[in-house]
Every structure is written in structure tokens, then in C-alpha cells.
Amino acid sequence: MLNLGFSLGYSAINMFGLLGYFPLFKFYQNDEFTHAVETAFIFPRDEEMSWRVQSVAGAAFNGFLGAKLGFVNTLVLRSGEKWLESVSVEWTVPAEKTLLSAFYEWARKAAANRTLARDFLRSLIPIMKNCARKRLSWFLTAREIIFAGAR
């Protein structure tokens, strides 16, 4: 079996943003454009030759405060009239709090609240024991009033 492959790619960095070589756009800081083409040819013994061509094109735009917007398009052509194309968009925005830090803060507060609730309930147990008779008496009195009013 014989495999042959070729690739060609380029990248252009900092072209049209505010800090670029040709500053046409003022609403982002810098950019990056990439494109790569890869080919592969497979020559197996006693079988038909197969081939694959892949093109990956991308563009990324960097904002002033760390934000980034990126696009990637991938096209794959294969022998036997098979092809596949995908497009992805990625938008990254910096934030003071990340999802992980928000979850950690929630877990920390929940643990502190559980400790507070546990201590509060432990302090209520003696009070509840002393007041149990009074509450039971009050409950029975309230029940009698409710049923007396229904008659």
C-alpha cells in the first residue's frame, strides 16, 4: 500500500483591525485569517485508489477587553462522491465570575447555611421539648374551635 499526502496553508495576522496593517475596522483590535488544504491519496494493492481533500478556513477577531469571535469552516471531499462540511462559531467573552467560581460560591454558602441551620435547630430542641405540652394544648384548642365553627 502506498500513501501520499500534501498540505498547504497560510495565516494572515493583524490585517484589518484597529491595530492592523490596513486598519479598516475600528470596532475590534486585531484579527487572524487562516486556510489550510490537505490532500491524501491511497494506493492499495489489488484495490481501487481512494483520495481525500480537506479544506479548513478560519477567521478570528479579538476585541479590546479580551473578547474573541471565531469562525471555522471545514470541507472534506472523498472518493466515491462523499463529502462532509461543518461550520463552527466560537464567541468568548471574559467575565469577572466563571461558571466554576459561581458554583463554588453557591456550594460554600450552602455549606455555611447548613451549619447555621444545624446549630439553630440544635438550640431549638430544648425549647421545643419544654413547649411541647403547650403547643399540643394550643393545637387541640384550635382544632376544637375549627370543628365548632363548622357545625
Protein backbone atom coordinates (compact mmCIF):
# COMPACT_ATOMS: atom_id res chain seq x y z
CA MET A 1 0.00 0.00 0.00
CA LEU A 2 1.25 3.47 -0.86
CA ASN A 3 0.04 6.64 0.90
CA LEU A 4 0.81 10.10 -0.40
CA GLY A 5 -0.18 13.33 1.29
CA PHE A 6 0.30 17.01 0.63
CA SER A 7 -0.65 20.10 2.59
CA LEU A 8 -0.56 23.81 2.02
CA GLY A 9 -1.60 26.52 4.43
CA TYR A 10 -1.32 30.19 5.19
CA SER A 11 -2.08 32.56 8.01
CA ALA A 12 -2.56 36.33 7.98
CA ILE A 13 -2.39 38.01 11.37
CA ASN A 14 -3.39 41.55 12.33
CA MET A 15 -4.65 42.76 8.97
CA PHE A 16 -7.79 44.91 9.23
CA GLY A 17 -8.45 45.64 12.93
CA LEU A 18 -7.64 48.89 14.69
CA LEU A 19 -4.05 47.75 15.27
CA GLY A 20 -3.78 46.06 11.86
CA TYR A 21 -1.68 46.73 8.80
CA PHE A 22 -4.74 48.18 6.99
CA PRO A 23 -6.91 49.50 9.86
CA LEU A 24 -10.27 49.46 8.08
CA PHE A 25 -12.39 48.47 11.08
CA LYS A 26 -12.27 50.33 14.38
CA PHE A 27 -14.63 48.06 16.36
CA TYR A 28 -12.10 45.26 17.03
CA GLN A 29 -8.44 45.22 17.94
CA ASN A 30 -6.84 42.60 15.69
CA ASP A 31 -7.67 39.57 13.57
CA GLU A 32 -6.31 36.32 12.19
CA PHE A 33 -7.25 34.56 8.97
CA THR A 34 -6.12 31.00 8.26
CA HIS A 35 -6.63 28.48 5.49
CA ALA A 36 -5.17 25.01 5.03
CA VAL A 37 -5.69 22.42 2.31
CA GLU A 38 -4.65 18.82 2.81
CA THR A 39 -4.80 16.01 0.28
CA ALA A 40 -4.26 12.30 0.70
CA PHE A 41 -4.02 9.57 -1.93
CA ILE A 42 -4.11 5.88 -1.01
CA PHE A 43 -3.00 3.24 -3.48
CA PRO A 44 -3.79 -0.20 -2.01
CA ARG A 45 -2.72 -3.40 -3.76
CA ASP A 46 -5.36 -5.04 -5.88
CA GLU A 47 -7.95 -2.40 -4.93
CA GLU A 48 -9.19 0.88 -6.27
CA MET A 49 -7.32 4.08 -5.41
CA SER A 50 -9.03 6.41 -2.88
CA TRP A 51 -8.42 10.06 -2.14
CA ARG A 52 -9.39 12.79 0.30
CA VAL A 53 -9.16 16.59 0.12
CA GLN A 54 -9.76 18.69 3.24
CA SER A 55 -10.06 22.46 3.40
CA VAL A 56 -10.11 24.30 6.73
CA ALA A 57 -10.71 28.07 6.66
CA GLY A 58 -10.91 30.22 9.75
CA ALA A 59 -11.25 33.80 10.87
CA ALA A 60 -10.84 35.17 14.39
CA PHE A 61 -11.47 38.68 15.67
CA ASN A 62 -10.08 39.87 19.01
CA GLY A 63 -11.85 42.61 20.92
CA PHE A 64 -10.38 45.25 23.18
CA LEU A 65 -11.24 43.70 26.54
CA GLY A 66 -10.33 40.08 25.80
CA ALA A 67 -13.43 39.06 23.85
CA LYS A 68 -12.87 36.84 20.81
CA LEU A 69 -15.14 35.82 17.93
CA GLY A 70 -14.02 32.95 15.73
CA PHE A 71 -15.38 31.10 12.70
CA VAL A 72 -14.10 27.81 11.27
CA ASN A 73 -15.37 26.08 8.13
CA THR A 74 -14.20 22.55 7.31
CA LEU A 75 -14.96 20.86 4.00
CA VAL A 76 -13.90 17.27 3.30
CA LEU A 77 -14.26 15.67 -0.12
CA ARG A 78 -13.67 11.93 -0.51
CA SER A 79 -13.56 9.48 -3.35
CA GLY A 80 -16.89 7.86 -4.09
CA GLU A 81 -18.74 11.19 -4.15
CA LYS A 82 -18.73 11.52 -0.35
CA TRP A 83 -18.37 14.88 1.31
CA LEU A 84 -18.75 16.45 4.72
CA GLU A 85 -18.91 20.10 5.73
CA SER A 86 -19.02 21.68 9.16
CA VAL A 87 -19.13 25.26 10.40
CA SER A 88 -18.37 26.32 13.94
CA VAL A 89 -18.66 29.66 15.66
CA GLU A 90 -16.97 30.43 18.95
CA TRP A 91 -17.56 33.56 20.98
CA THR A 92 -15.52 34.04 24.14
CA VAL A 93 -16.39 36.87 26.48
CA PRO A 94 -14.33 37.47 29.61
CA ALA A 95 -16.30 37.67 32.81
CA GLU A 96 -15.50 38.51 36.40
CA LYS A 97 -17.08 35.28 37.53
CA THR A 98 -16.84 31.99 35.73
CA LEU A 99 -19.37 29.17 35.95
CA LEU A 100 -16.96 27.26 38.16
CA SER A 101 -16.47 30.18 40.57
CA ALA A 102 -20.26 30.73 40.76
CA PHE A 103 -20.79 27.04 41.58
CA TYR A 104 -18.04 27.15 44.22
CA GLU A 105 -19.58 30.24 45.82
CA TRP A 106 -23.01 28.57 45.86
CA ALA A 107 -21.57 25.40 47.46
CA ARG A 108 -19.69 27.46 50.07
CA LYS A 109 -22.81 29.41 51.01
CA ALA A 110 -24.93 26.24 51.10
CA ALA A 111 -22.43 24.59 53.45
CA ALA A 112 -22.38 27.67 55.70
CA ASN A 113 -26.20 27.80 55.70
CA ARG A 114 -26.41 24.11 56.59
CA THR A 115 -24.06 24.68 59.52
CA LEU A 116 -26.11 27.69 60.61
CA ALA A 117 -29.38 25.77 60.24
CA ARG A 118 -27.98 22.77 62.13
CA ASP A 119 -26.81 24.97 65.02
CA PHE A 120 -30.12 26.84 65.07
CA LEU A 121 -32.13 23.62 65.15
CA ARG A 122 -29.93 22.19 67.91
CA SER A 123 -30.58 25.27 70.01
CA LEU A 124 -34.34 24.95 69.40
CA ILE A 125 -34.61 21.33 70.58
CA PRO A 126 -34.63 22.11 74.34
CA ILE A 127 -37.09 24.94 73.77
CA MET A 128 -39.33 22.67 71.71
CA LYS A 129 -39.27 19.97 74.39
CA ASN A 130 -40.30 22.47 77.06
CA CYS A 131 -43.06 23.91 74.90
CA ALA A 132 -44.36 20.62 73.53
CA ARG A 133 -47.19 20.38 76.05
CA LYS A 134 -48.23 23.98 75.50
CA ARG A 135 -48.25 23.54 71.70
CA LEU A 136 -50.23 20.33 71.89
CA SER A 137 -52.71 22.09 74.13
CA TRP A 138 -52.91 25.03 71.73
CA PHE A 139 -53.32 22.68 68.73
CA LEU A 140 -56.20 20.85 70.41
CA THR A 141 -57.85 24.13 71.31
CA ALA A 142 -57.50 25.45 67.73
CA ARG A 143 -58.89 22.16 66.39
CA GLU A 144 -61.90 22.37 68.68
CA ILE A 145 -62.57 25.93 67.53
CA ILE A 146 -62.37 24.95 63.85
CA PHE A 147 -64.72 22.00 64.29
CA ALA A 148 -67.09 24.01 66.48
CA GLY A 149 -67.31 26.66 63.77
CA ALA A 150 -68.13 24.03 61.12
CA ARG A 151 -71.23 22.81 62.99
